[in-house]
């Protein structure tokens, strides 16, 4: 059985120089999976509603009460990428109906693989705009104020944007995004995306409250990345421990066999004493 592999080029509209990402994702991924892949690769925080427009059809989060006003919307969880888009197809992904971040998504390539591939980001340029900055026009104003120390809004913008924000910086991470996507989905389903401060920290934890508060205060995507990183590290440690235990057990078994052989045949004499 072969699996289809889609290469998607995602570009944010109305911004120059362009902000874009190239994704690799299985054709059997649902449109909900595509949503989470775009969120992680772009750097959005999954804090707003979204929808896909593919041909004459619109797909989105039909399970939420807030989307009733959007009208005829199909369930993104019930449609696979390979069933709604072919090679060369271009469709729209819109995120945050207030700021209206519109992304053009083009199917650049469709190939086959013996196994189902993991979602990955293959490339990209420029940082994702901060959430709630007012869409493309607001982001242009933000960049102008950020670049000009004499701008009347410079100080407030510097304080408002994320620390170490660099609009030109984007570091491609080609690792499997599945774990981060799954954790981001879990946070969304549990509604666990708001943190009101250190008072929410469980008093029974043995971890420093400040550390826990810092972790819980991270934006959803960054918190999902942290959980995925810790889970991956733990899995690696468990695998390494299992390998060491297996090696110790094997060494113990070999030692036991050697001791049993020596008990029945006598101790092995040094080579120089043999034949005497």
Protein backbone atom coordinates (compact mmCIF):
# COMPACT_ATOMS: atom_id res chain seq x y z
CA UNK A 1 0.00 0.00 0.00
CA UNK A 2 1.34 3.42 -0.96
CA UNK A 3 0.60 6.71 0.77
CA UNK A 4 0.28 10.10 -0.89
CA UNK A 5 2.61 12.89 0.25
CA UNK A 6 1.57 16.52 -0.23
CA UNK A 7 3.95 19.46 -0.42
CA UNK A 8 2.09 22.67 0.45
CA UNK A 9 3.35 26.21 -0.02
CA UNK A 10 1.68 28.54 2.50
CA UNK A 11 1.99 32.29 1.99
CA UNK A 12 0.47 35.07 4.08
CA UNK A 13 -1.40 37.58 1.94
CA UNK A 14 -0.80 41.33 1.74
CA UNK A 15 2.67 41.34 3.34
CA UNK A 16 5.95 42.13 1.59
CA UNK A 17 8.57 40.74 1.72
CA UNK A 18 6.49 37.58 1.88
CA UNK A 19 6.06 35.40 4.94
CA UNK A 20 5.84 31.80 3.79
CA UNK A 21 6.31 28.17 4.80
CA UNK A 22 6.60 24.92 2.85
CA UNK A 23 5.00 21.90 4.50
CA UNK A 24 5.13 18.17 3.87
CA UNK A 25 2.03 16.38 5.07
CA UNK A 26 0.29 13.08 4.29
CA UNK A 27 -2.59 13.23 1.85
CA UNK A 28 -4.61 11.22 4.36
CA UNK A 29 -4.43 14.11 6.85
CA UNK A 30 -7.75 15.73 7.66
CA UNK A 31 -8.21 19.45 7.07
CA UNK A 32 -8.14 19.79 10.86
CA UNK A 33 -4.64 18.26 10.74
CA UNK A 34 -3.67 20.75 8.03
CA UNK A 35 -4.92 23.56 10.28
CA UNK A 36 -2.70 22.45 13.17
CA UNK A 37 0.27 21.96 10.83
CA UNK A 38 -0.08 25.53 9.53
CA UNK A 39 -0.46 26.87 13.07
CA UNK A 40 2.75 25.18 14.25
CA UNK A 41 4.81 25.94 11.13
CA UNK A 42 3.72 29.57 10.86
CA UNK A 43 4.02 30.29 14.56
CA UNK A 44 0.40 31.21 15.30
CA UNK A 45 -1.05 30.41 18.74
CA UNK A 46 -4.37 28.76 17.79
CA UNK A 47 -6.23 31.44 19.75
CA UNK A 48 -8.91 32.27 17.17
CA UNK A 49 -11.37 30.69 14.76
CA UNK A 50 -10.39 29.63 11.26
CA UNK A 51 -11.77 28.23 8.03
CA UNK A 52 -10.69 26.78 4.69
CA UNK A 53 -12.21 27.82 1.37
CA UNK A 54 -11.56 25.20 -1.31
CA UNK A 55 -13.45 25.74 -4.54
CA UNK A 56 -17.06 26.45 -3.64
CA UNK A 57 -16.84 24.74 -0.26
CA UNK A 58 -15.91 26.10 3.16
CA UNK A 59 -14.61 23.87 5.97
CA UNK A 60 -14.10 24.66 9.61
CA UNK A 61 -14.86 24.05 13.28
CA UNK A 62 -18.53 23.09 13.04
CA UNK A 63 -18.52 21.70 16.59
CA UNK A 64 -18.21 25.18 18.10
CA UNK A 65 -21.23 27.36 18.83
CA UNK A 66 -19.34 30.45 17.68
CA UNK A 67 -19.36 29.32 14.03
CA UNK A 68 -23.15 29.23 13.67
CA UNK A 69 -23.09 32.71 12.18
CA UNK A 70 -20.68 31.59 9.45
CA UNK A 71 -23.48 29.77 7.64
CA UNK A 72 -22.87 26.75 5.43
CA UNK A 73 -19.69 25.32 6.88
CA UNK A 74 -18.57 21.71 6.46
CA UNK A 75 -16.75 19.72 9.12
CA UNK A 76 -12.98 19.93 8.58
CA UNK A 77 -12.54 16.72 10.59
CA UNK A 78 -14.55 14.73 8.03
CA UNK A 79 -12.55 15.62 4.92
CA UNK A 80 -9.10 14.42 3.90
CA UNK A 81 -6.64 16.66 2.11
CA UNK A 82 -6.28 14.18 -0.76
CA UNK A 83 -10.05 14.20 -1.33
CA UNK A 84 -10.46 17.97 -1.66
CA UNK A 85 -7.24 19.17 -3.34
CA UNK A 86 -5.13 17.93 -6.22
CA UNK A 87 -1.69 18.89 -7.48
CA UNK A 88 -1.65 22.53 -8.56
CA UNK A 89 -4.73 23.42 -6.52
CA UNK A 90 -4.75 26.72 -4.63
CA UNK A 91 -7.04 27.32 -1.68
CA UNK A 92 -7.54 29.79 1.15
CA UNK A 93 -6.87 29.31 4.84
CA UNK A 94 -8.19 32.17 6.99
CA UNK A 95 -7.21 32.56 10.62
CA UNK A 96 -8.66 35.07 13.11
CA UNK A 97 -11.76 36.63 11.57
CA UNK A 98 -10.99 39.89 13.39
CA UNK A 99 -7.47 40.44 12.05
CA UNK A 100 -8.33 38.31 8.99
CA UNK A 101 -5.01 36.62 8.33
CA UNK A 102 -5.47 35.07 4.88
CA UNK A 103 -3.06 32.42 3.67
CA UNK A 104 -2.81 31.20 0.09
CA UNK A 105 -2.10 27.48 0.15
CA UNK A 106 -0.82 25.86 -3.03
CA UNK A 107 -0.35 22.13 -3.59
CA UNK A 108 3.12 22.22 -5.13
CA UNK A 109 3.71 18.51 -5.41
CA UNK A 110 2.03 15.17 -4.76
CA UNK A 111 4.22 12.09 -4.49
CA UNK A 112 4.01 8.57 -3.07
CA UNK A 113 5.70 6.85 -0.16
CA UNK A 114 5.74 3.31 1.16
CA UNK A 115 4.82 4.57 4.64
CA UNK A 116 2.71 7.44 5.92
CA UNK A 117 4.96 10.47 6.33
CA UNK A 118 5.00 12.70 9.39
CA UNK A 119 4.05 16.39 9.01
CA UNK A 120 7.16 18.56 8.66
CA UNK A 121 8.11 22.10 7.75
CA UNK A 122 10.63 22.06 4.91
CA UNK A 123 11.37 25.77 4.64
CA UNK A 124 10.18 29.30 5.21
CA UNK A 125 11.09 32.96 5.53
CA UNK A 126 10.38 35.74 8.02
CA UNK A 127 8.74 35.53 11.42
CA UNK A 128 5.04 35.16 12.03
CA UNK A 129 3.30 38.45 13.01
CA UNK A 130 2.30 38.76 16.68
CA UNK A 131 -1.28 37.76 17.45
CA UNK A 132 -3.92 40.52 17.66
CA UNK A 133 -1.79 43.21 16.01
CA UNK A 134 -4.53 44.32 13.63
CA UNK A 135 -4.01 42.20 10.53
CA UNK A 136 -1.73 43.17 7.65
CA UNK A 137 -2.30 46.97 8.01
CA UNK A 138 -1.74 46.83 11.77
CA UNK A 139 1.40 44.76 11.31
CA UNK A 140 2.79 47.32 8.83
CA UNK A 141 2.23 50.06 11.42
CA UNK A 142 3.82 47.89 14.12
CA UNK A 143 6.96 47.33 12.03
CA UNK A 144 7.21 51.04 11.28
CA UNK A 145 7.01 51.95 14.98
CA UNK A 146 9.39 49.15 15.95
CA UNK A 147 12.06 50.29 13.49
CA UNK A 148 11.94 53.99 14.45
CA UNK A 149 13.10 54.87 17.99
CA UNK A 150 11.61 58.35 17.46
CA UNK A 151 8.17 57.03 16.60
CA UNK A 152 5.54 58.07 19.13
CA UNK A 153 4.45 54.44 19.61
CA UNK A 154 7.94 52.91 19.64
CA UNK A 155 8.17 52.40 23.41
CA UNK A 156 4.72 50.87 23.73
CA UNK A 157 5.29 48.55 20.75
CA UNK A 158 8.65 47.37 22.12
CA UNK A 159 6.94 46.55 25.41
CA UNK A 160 3.99 44.83 23.73
CA UNK A 161 5.69 42.52 21.20
CA UNK A 162 7.17 39.20 22.37
CA UNK A 163 10.68 39.43 23.77
CA UNK A 164 13.48 39.09 21.20
CA UNK A 165 10.95 39.46 18.38
CA UNK A 166 12.74 39.84 15.04
CA UNK A 167 10.43 40.14 12.01
CA UNK A 168 13.15 38.88 9.66
CA UNK A 169 14.16 35.85 11.69
CA UNK A 170 12.80 32.40 10.99
CA UNK A 171 14.59 29.19 11.88
CA UNK A 172 13.46 26.16 9.90
CA UNK A 173 12.84 23.09 12.03
CA UNK A 174 12.32 20.02 9.84
CA UNK A 175 11.51 17.68 12.70
CA UNK A 176 8.27 15.73 12.92
CA UNK A 177 5.52 18.14 14.03
CA UNK A 178 3.06 15.40 15.03
CA UNK A 179 3.73 15.55 18.75
CA UNK A 180 3.39 19.35 18.93
CA UNK A 181 0.25 19.25 16.79
CA UNK A 182 -1.31 16.60 19.04
CA UNK A 183 -0.52 18.57 22.19
CA UNK A 184 -1.89 21.77 20.65
CA UNK A 185 -5.08 19.89 19.76
CA UNK A 186 -5.35 18.57 23.31
CA UNK A 187 -5.01 22.07 24.73
CA UNK A 188 -7.72 23.30 22.35
CA UNK A 189 -10.13 20.46 23.19
CA UNK A 190 -9.67 20.93 26.91
CA UNK A 191 -9.95 24.69 26.65
CA UNK A 192 -6.63 24.89 28.49
CA UNK A 193 -5.30 28.01 26.81
CA UNK A 194 -5.74 30.63 29.52
CA UNK A 195 -3.53 31.11 32.55
CA UNK A 196 -4.29 33.81 35.10
CA UNK A 197 -1.02 33.76 37.00
CA UNK A 198 0.90 32.03 39.80
CA UNK A 199 -2.24 31.59 41.92
CA UNK A 200 -3.30 28.80 39.54
CA UNK A 201 -0.21 26.72 40.34
CA UNK A 202 -1.00 23.55 42.27
CA UNK A 203 0.39 23.96 45.79
CA UNK A 204 1.12 20.21 45.96
CA UNK A 205 3.69 20.27 43.16
CA UNK A 206 7.32 19.71 44.08
CA UNK A 207 8.46 22.02 41.29
CA UNK A 208 9.27 25.68 41.97
CA UNK A 209 6.00 27.66 41.56
CA UNK A 210 7.77 30.33 39.49
CA UNK A 211 8.94 27.66 37.03
CA UNK A 212 5.46 26.15 36.73
CA UNK A 213 3.90 29.60 36.36
CA UNK A 214 6.35 30.46 33.56
CA UNK A 215 5.55 27.23 31.71
CA UNK A 216 1.78 27.63 32.08
CA UNK A 217 2.03 31.26 31.01
CA UNK A 218 3.51 30.34 27.63
CA UNK A 219 1.33 30.80 24.51
CA UNK A 220 -0.44 27.55 23.46
CA UNK A 221 1.93 26.59 20.64
CA UNK A 222 5.03 27.20 22.76
CA UNK A 223 3.50 25.24 25.64
CA UNK A 224 2.72 22.39 23.22
CA UNK A 225 6.31 22.47 21.96
CA UNK A 226 7.61 22.32 25.53
CA UNK A 227 5.40 19.32 26.39
CA UNK A 228 6.45 17.56 23.17
CA UNK A 229 10.11 18.24 23.92
CA UNK A 230 9.83 16.88 27.45
CA UNK A 231 7.86 13.85 26.27
CA UNK A 232 10.44 13.13 23.58
CA UNK A 233 13.28 13.49 26.09
CA UNK A 234 11.53 11.16 28.53
CA UNK A 235 10.92 8.59 25.81
CA UNK A 236 14.60 8.73 24.87
CA UNK A 237 15.64 8.28 28.49
CA UNK A 238 13.28 5.32 28.94
CA UNK A 239 14.58 3.70 25.76
CA UNK A 240 18.18 4.22 26.88
CA UNK A 241 17.40 2.78 30.32
CA UNK A 242 15.72 -0.26 28.75
CA UNK A 243 18.76 -0.81 26.52
CA UNK A 244 21.09 -0.62 29.52
CA UNK A 245 18.94 -3.08 31.49
CA UNK A 246 18.94 -5.47 28.54
CA UNK A 247 22.74 -5.21 28.28
CA UNK A 248 23.09 -5.85 32.03
CA UNK A 249 20.76 -8.83 31.85
CA UNK A 250 22.71 -10.24 28.91
CA UNK A 251 26.00 -9.73 30.72
CA UNK A 252 24.57 -11.39 33.83
CA UNK A 253 23.37 -14.37 31.80
CA UNK A 254 26.79 -14.75 30.18
CA UNK A 255 28.51 -14.56 33.57
CA UNK A 256 26.14 -17.20 34.91
CA UNK A 257 26.94 -19.53 32.01
CA UNK A 258 30.68 -19.02 32.54
CA UNK A 259 30.40 -19.76 36.25
CA UNK A 260 28.37 -22.89 35.58
CA UNK A 261 30.92 -24.11 33.01
CA UNK A 262 33.81 -23.46 35.40
CA UNK A 263 32.04 -25.40 38.15
CA UNK A 264 31.73 -28.47 35.92
CA UNK A 265 35.09 -28.34 34.11
CA UNK A 266 37.27 -26.63 36.69
CA UNK A 267 38.96 -23.26 36.43
CA UNK A 268 40.60 -22.46 33.13
CA UNK A 269 44.41 -22.46 33.48
CA UNK A 270 46.53 -19.72 31.98
CA UNK A 271 47.88 -20.49 28.51
CA UNK A 272 51.45 -20.89 29.83
CA UNK A 273 50.45 -23.66 32.21
CA UNK A 274 48.50 -25.74 29.72
CA UNK A 275 49.96 -29.09 28.76
CA UNK A 276 52.21 -29.32 31.82
